[in-house]
Amino acid sequence: MSYLIAVATSDAKVVDLGFGAAKGFHIYEVEGTEYKEKEYREFAEEEISSDVQSGCGGQTSGCGDTNNCGSPSGGCGDGSQDGCGGTGGHGGCGAGSQSGCGGSDGALRKVNLIADCRSLVCKKIGFQAQKQLEKKAIAGFDVECSVDEALTKIATYFDKIDNHVSLRRG
């Protein structure tokens, strides 16, 4: 039985994007330990823009920009809020957990894009995104390696699980 794996990558060679930075996901179909790219699913640009605007009171500079989120004045608002629309810290802004701002809604909409996938492979998955993935029973993997290496290891892991083979070596 085949299943799908979503991968956050800018070039389909290296897992180099965090969940929040990914504008889309390469979807791979896996059968046993073999895999092939099936499609690319893009998160609609207008959804990203509306997250940034609604989560930041219309301020589009800073909030969607991962370079500004760590500073008190560079994020959304004047530094008195928790970063992005009061969502609790900078988790929604470039920390790898969500698209733009807007709390867990941004993460949920992105997770819904890959709801039919068994797992997600990213460079970094933030707390809110991980919670949304768990609700959909999608396994999240934080890795820094090539797409081929990640897919080979994950496909081998799931193949052993599916066939009730011990994960122990030896």
C-alpha atoms as a PDB file:
ATOM      1  CA  MET A   1       0.000   0.000   0.000  1.00  0.00           C
ATOM      2  CA  SER A   2       1.456   3.354  -0.984  1.00  0.00           C
ATOM      3  CA  TYR A   3       1.475   6.537   1.069  1.00  0.00           C
ATOM      4  CA  LEU A   4       2.626  10.141   0.678  1.00  0.00           C
ATOM      5  CA  ILE A   5       5.458  12.122   2.272  1.00  0.00           C
ATOM      6  CA  ALA A   6       5.614  15.929   2.097  1.00  0.00           C
ATOM      7  CA  VAL A   7       9.066  17.537   1.973  1.00  0.00           C
ATOM      8  CA  ALA A   8       9.966  21.194   2.537  1.00  0.00           C
ATOM      9  CA  THR A   9      12.762  21.874   0.070  1.00  0.00           C
ATOM     10  CA  SER A  10      13.668  24.747  -2.200  1.00  0.00           C
ATOM     11  CA  ASP A  11      15.432  22.635  -4.817  1.00  0.00           C
ATOM     12  CA  ALA A  12      14.149  19.020  -4.397  1.00  0.00           C
ATOM     13  CA  LYS A  13      17.713  18.044  -3.454  1.00  0.00           C
ATOM     14  CA  VAL A  14      18.245  19.205   0.149  1.00  0.00           C
ATOM     15  CA  VAL A  15      15.798  19.513   3.043  1.00  0.00           C
ATOM     16  CA  ASP A  16      16.554  23.193   3.614  1.00  0.00           C
ATOM     17  CA  LEU A  17      13.265  24.834   4.616  1.00  0.00           C
ATOM     18  CA  GLY A  18      11.486  25.014   7.922  1.00  0.00           C
ATOM     19  CA  PHE A  19       7.727  24.535   8.061  1.00  0.00           C
ATOM     20  CA  GLY A  20       7.069  28.264   8.405  1.00  0.00           C
ATOM     21  CA  ALA A  21       9.392  29.220   5.551  1.00  0.00           C
ATOM     22  CA  ALA A  22       7.998  26.691   3.079  1.00  0.00           C
ATOM     23  CA  LYS A  23       5.658  28.164   0.478  1.00  0.00           C
ATOM     24  CA  GLY A  24       4.819  24.670  -0.664  1.00  0.00           C
ATOM     25  CA  PHE A  25       5.784  21.041  -0.345  1.00  0.00           C
ATOM     26  CA  HIS A  26       7.170  18.453  -2.725  1.00  0.00           C
ATOM     27  CA  ILE A  27       4.968  15.376  -2.389  1.00  0.00           C
ATOM     28  CA  TYR A  28       6.544  11.943  -2.814  1.00  0.00           C
ATOM     29  CA  GLU A  29       4.653   8.690  -3.244  1.00  0.00           C
ATOM     30  CA  VAL A  30       6.212   5.768  -1.400  1.00  0.00           C
ATOM     31  CA  GLU A  31       5.644   2.075  -2.084  1.00  0.00           C
ATOM     32  CA  GLY A  32       7.678  -0.204   0.187  1.00  0.00           C
ATOM     33  CA  THR A  33      11.104   1.428   0.210  1.00  0.00           C
ATOM     34  CA  GLU A  34      10.810   2.929  -3.280  1.00  0.00           C
ATOM     35  CA  TYR A  35       9.682   6.531  -3.791  1.00  0.00           C
ATOM     36  CA  LYS A  36       9.030   8.968  -6.609  1.00  0.00           C
ATOM     37  CA  GLU A  37       7.987  12.584  -6.764  1.00  0.00           C
ATOM     38  CA  LYS A  38       4.278  12.903  -7.398  1.00  0.00           C
ATOM     39  CA  GLU A  39       3.552  16.655  -7.305  1.00  0.00           C
ATOM     40  CA  TYR A  40       4.276  20.041  -5.798  1.00  0.00           C
ATOM     41  CA  ARG A  41       1.617  21.642  -3.604  1.00  0.00           C
ATOM     42  CA  GLU A  42       1.857  25.359  -3.078  1.00  0.00           C
ATOM     43  CA  PHE A  43       0.333  27.279  -0.189  1.00  0.00           C
ATOM     44  CA  ALA A  44      -1.717  30.023  -1.869  1.00  0.00           C
ATOM     45  CA  GLU A  45       0.149  33.341  -1.736  1.00  0.00           C
ATOM     46  CA  GLU A  46      -3.019  35.249  -0.802  1.00  0.00           C
ATOM     47  CA  GLU A  47      -3.411  33.019   2.271  1.00  0.00           C
ATOM     48  CA  ILE A  48       0.119  33.854   3.375  1.00  0.00           C
ATOM     49  CA  SER A  49      -0.513  37.570   2.832  1.00  0.00           C
ATOM     50  CA  SER A  50      -3.783  37.516   4.732  1.00  0.00           C
ATOM     51  CA  ASP A  51      -2.108  35.702   7.640  1.00  0.00           C
ATOM     52  CA  VAL A  52       0.570  38.364   7.813  1.00  0.00           C
ATOM     53  CA  GLN A  53      -1.887  41.236   7.603  1.00  0.00           C
ATOM     54  CA  SER A  54      -4.496  39.846   9.972  1.00  0.00           C
ATOM     55  CA  GLY A  55      -1.961  38.693  12.539  1.00  0.00           C
ATOM     56  CA  CYS A  56      -0.108  41.987  12.595  1.00  0.00           C
ATOM     57  CA  GLY A  57      -2.819  44.583  12.333  1.00  0.00           C
ATOM     58  CA  GLY A  58      -1.991  45.255   8.704  1.00  0.00           C
ATOM     59  CA  GLN A  59       1.754  45.662   9.178  1.00  0.00           C
ATOM     60  CA  THR A  60       3.312  43.575   6.482  1.00  0.00           C
ATOM     61  CA  SER A  61       6.890  44.607   7.159  1.00  0.00           C
ATOM     62  CA  GLY A  62       8.580  42.522   9.780  1.00  0.00           C
ATOM     63  CA  CYS A  63       6.071  39.838  10.617  1.00  0.00           C
ATOM     64  CA  GLY A  64       6.555  37.512   7.677  1.00  0.00           C
ATOM     65  CA  ASP A  65      10.248  38.342   7.616  1.00  0.00           C
ATOM     66  CA  THR A  66      12.241  35.790   9.606  1.00  0.00           C
ATOM     67  CA  ASN A  67      15.081  38.279  10.036  1.00  0.00           C
ATOM     68  CA  ASN A  68      12.981  40.664  12.140  1.00  0.00           C
ATOM     69  CA  CYS A  69      11.181  38.342  14.508  1.00  0.00           C
ATOM     70  CA  GLY A  70      13.772  38.010  17.199  1.00  0.00           C
ATOM     71  CA  SER A  71      13.974  41.687  18.081  1.00  0.00           C
ATOM     72  CA  PRO A  72      11.468  43.541  20.261  1.00  0.00           C
ATOM     73  CA  SER A  73      10.973  46.251  17.654  1.00  0.00           C
ATOM     74  CA  GLY A  74      11.460  44.232  14.467  1.00  0.00           C
ATOM     75  CA  GLY A  75       8.471  41.962  14.789  1.00  0.00           C
ATOM     76  CA  CYS A  76       4.836  42.949  14.697  1.00  0.00           C
ATOM     77  CA  GLY A  77       3.663  45.895  16.688  1.00  0.00           C
ATOM     78  CA  ASP A  78       5.841  47.871  19.068  1.00  0.00           C
ATOM     79  CA  GLY A  79       7.370  45.003  20.995  1.00  0.00           C
ATOM     80  CA  SER A  80       4.726  45.113  23.719  1.00  0.00           C
ATOM     81  CA  GLN A  81       2.845  42.173  22.199  1.00  0.00           C
ATOM     82  CA  ASP A  82       4.246  38.693  21.979  1.00  0.00           C
ATOM     83  CA  GLY A  83       5.303  39.166  18.411  1.00  0.00           C
ATOM     84  CA  CYS A  84       2.420  38.400  16.119  1.00  0.00           C
ATOM     85  CA  GLY A  85      -1.097  39.296  17.001  1.00  0.00           C
ATOM     86  CA  GLY A  86      -0.591  38.207  20.591  1.00  0.00           C
ATOM     87  CA  THR A  87      -0.159  34.531  19.695  1.00  0.00           C
ATOM     88  CA  GLY A  88       2.381  33.823  22.412  1.00  0.00           C
ATOM     89  CA  GLY A  89       5.999  34.466  21.577  1.00  0.00           C
ATOM     90  CA  HIS A  90       7.614  34.525  18.195  1.00  0.00           C
ATOM     91  CA  GLY A  91       6.549  30.971  17.322  1.00  0.00           C
ATOM     92  CA  GLY A  92       4.345  32.283  14.552  1.00  0.00           C
ATOM     93  CA  CYS A  93       7.035  34.437  13.017  1.00  0.00           C
ATOM     94  CA  GLY A  94       9.759  32.633  11.181  1.00  0.00           C
ATOM     95  CA  ALA A  95      10.603  30.304  14.034  1.00  0.00           C
ATOM     96  CA  GLY A  96       9.595  27.468  11.781  1.00  0.00           C
ATOM     97  CA  SER A  97       6.183  26.888  13.251  1.00  0.00           C
ATOM     98  CA  GLN A  98       3.758  28.699  11.011  1.00  0.00           C
ATOM     99  CA  SER A  99       3.309  30.598   7.828  1.00  0.00           C
ATOM    100  CA  GLY A 100       3.593  34.303   8.512  1.00  0.00           C
ATOM    101  CA  CYS A 101       1.580  35.121  11.619  1.00  0.00           C
ATOM    102  CA  GLY A 102      -1.914  34.489  12.774  1.00  0.00           C
ATOM    103  CA  GLY A 103      -1.342  31.892  15.494  1.00  0.00           C
ATOM    104  CA  SER A 104      -2.124  28.258  14.985  1.00  0.00           C
ATOM    105  CA  ASP A 105      -4.567  29.073  12.158  1.00  0.00           C
ATOM    106  CA  GLY A 106      -1.642  29.565   9.771  1.00  0.00           C
ATOM    107  CA  ALA A 107      -0.152  26.237  10.778  1.00  0.00           C
ATOM    108  CA  LEU A 108      -3.518  24.509  10.496  1.00  0.00           C
ATOM    109  CA  ARG A 109      -4.113  25.773   6.958  1.00  0.00           C
ATOM    110  CA  LYS A 110      -0.670  24.600   5.891  1.00  0.00           C
ATOM    111  CA  VAL A 111      -1.165  21.210   7.563  1.00  0.00           C
ATOM    112  CA  ASN A 112      -4.515  20.855   5.781  1.00  0.00           C
ATOM    113  CA  LEU A 113      -2.603  21.202   2.493  1.00  0.00           C
ATOM    114  CA  ILE A 114      -0.797  17.932   3.301  1.00  0.00           C
ATOM    115  CA  ALA A 115      -3.543  16.207   5.318  1.00  0.00           C
ATOM    116  CA  ASP A 116      -3.376  13.115   3.092  1.00  0.00           C
ATOM    117  CA  CYS A 117       0.351  12.618   3.798  1.00  0.00           C
ATOM    118  CA  ARG A 118       1.699  10.134   6.295  1.00  0.00           C
ATOM    119  CA  SER A 119       4.631  12.328   7.222  1.00  0.00           C
ATOM    120  CA  LEU A 120       6.278  15.702   6.758  1.00  0.00           C
ATOM    121  CA  VAL A 121      10.010  16.302   6.415  1.00  0.00           C
ATOM    122  CA  CYS A 122      11.335  19.799   7.224  1.00  0.00           C
ATOM    123  CA  LYS A 123      14.505  21.414   8.451  1.00  0.00           C
ATOM    124  CA  LYS A 124      12.593  22.679  11.505  1.00  0.00           C
ATOM    125  CA  ILE A 125       9.022  22.250  12.731  1.00  0.00           C
ATOM    126  CA  GLY A 126       7.798  24.629  15.419  1.00  0.00           C
ATOM    127  CA  PHE A 127       5.585  23.816  18.369  1.00  0.00           C
ATOM    128  CA  GLN A 128       2.246  25.005  16.920  1.00  0.00           C
ATOM    129  CA  ALA A 129       2.831  23.210  13.627  1.00  0.00           C
ATOM    130  CA  GLN A 130       3.851  20.019  15.449  1.00  0.00           C
ATOM    131  CA  LYS A 131       0.603  20.146  17.454  1.00  0.00           C
ATOM    132  CA  GLN A 132      -1.447  20.512  14.259  1.00  0.00           C
ATOM    133  CA  LEU A 133       0.447  17.637  12.599  1.00  0.00           C
ATOM    134  CA  GLU A 134      -0.233  15.397  15.589  1.00  0.00           C
ATOM    135  CA  LYS A 135      -3.962  16.159  15.398  1.00  0.00           C
ATOM    136  CA  LYS A 136      -3.945  14.896  11.800  1.00  0.00           C
ATOM    137  CA  ALA A 137      -1.757  11.870  12.671  1.00  0.00           C
ATOM    138  CA  ILE A 138       1.060  13.129  10.431  1.00  0.00           C
ATOM    139  CA  ALA A 139       4.560  12.212  11.618  1.00  0.00           C
ATOM    140  CA  GLY A 140       6.870  15.222  11.578  1.00  0.00           C
ATOM    141  CA  PHE A 141      10.608  14.799  11.023  1.00  0.00           C
ATOM    142  CA  ASP A 142      13.131  17.623  11.637  1.00  0.00           C
ATOM    143  CA  VAL A 143      16.199  16.793   9.563  1.00  0.00           C
ATOM    144  CA  GLU A 144      19.150  18.434   7.864  1.00  0.00           C
ATOM    145  CA  CYS A 145      20.209  16.189   4.995  1.00  0.00           C
ATOM    146  CA  SER A 146      19.502  15.474   1.355  1.00  0.00           C
ATOM    147  CA  VAL A 147      15.960  14.682   0.256  1.00  0.00           C
ATOM    148  CA  ASP A 148      17.116  11.245  -0.964  1.00  0.00           C
ATOM    149  CA  GLU A 149      18.715  10.402   2.380  1.00  0.00           C
ATOM    150  CA  ALA A 150      15.625  11.527   4.327  1.00  0.00           C
ATOM    151  CA  LEU A 151      13.195   9.643   2.085  1.00  0.00           C
ATOM    152  CA  THR A 152      15.317   6.479   2.111  1.00  0.00           C
ATOM    153  CA  LYS A 153      15.537   6.424   5.906  1.00  0.00           C
ATOM    154  CA  ILE A 154      11.863   7.263   6.473  1.00  0.00           C
ATOM    155  CA  ALA A 155      10.639   4.790   3.844  1.00  0.00           C
ATOM    156  CA  THR A 156      12.809   2.075   5.408  1.00  0.00           C
ATOM    157  CA  TYR A 157      11.488   2.947   8.871  1.00  0.00           C
ATOM    158  CA  PHE A 158       7.827   2.840   7.781  1.00  0.00           C
ATOM    159  CA  ASP A 159       8.426  -0.365   5.791  1.00  0.00           C
ATOM    160  CA  LYS A 160       9.728  -2.063   8.939  1.00  0.00           C
ATOM    161  CA  ILE A 161       6.826  -0.735  11.006  1.00  0.00           C
ATOM    162  CA  ASP A 162       4.254  -1.811   8.407  1.00  0.00           C
ATOM    163  CA  ASN A 163       5.767  -5.287   8.124  1.00  0.00           C
ATOM    164  CA  HIS A 164       6.223  -5.721  11.887  1.00  0.00           C
ATOM    165  CA  VAL A 165       9.996  -6.012  11.608  1.00  0.00           C
ATOM    166  CA  SER A 166      12.112  -5.159  14.625  1.00  0.00           C
ATOM    167  CA  LEU A 167      13.762  -1.763  14.458  1.00  0.00           C
ATOM    168  CA  ARG A 168      16.763  -3.099  16.350  1.00  0.00           C
ATOM    169  CA  ARG A 169      19.974  -3.557  14.476  1.00  0.00           C
ATOM    170  CA  GLY A 170      21.726  -6.832  14.565  1.00  0.00           C
END
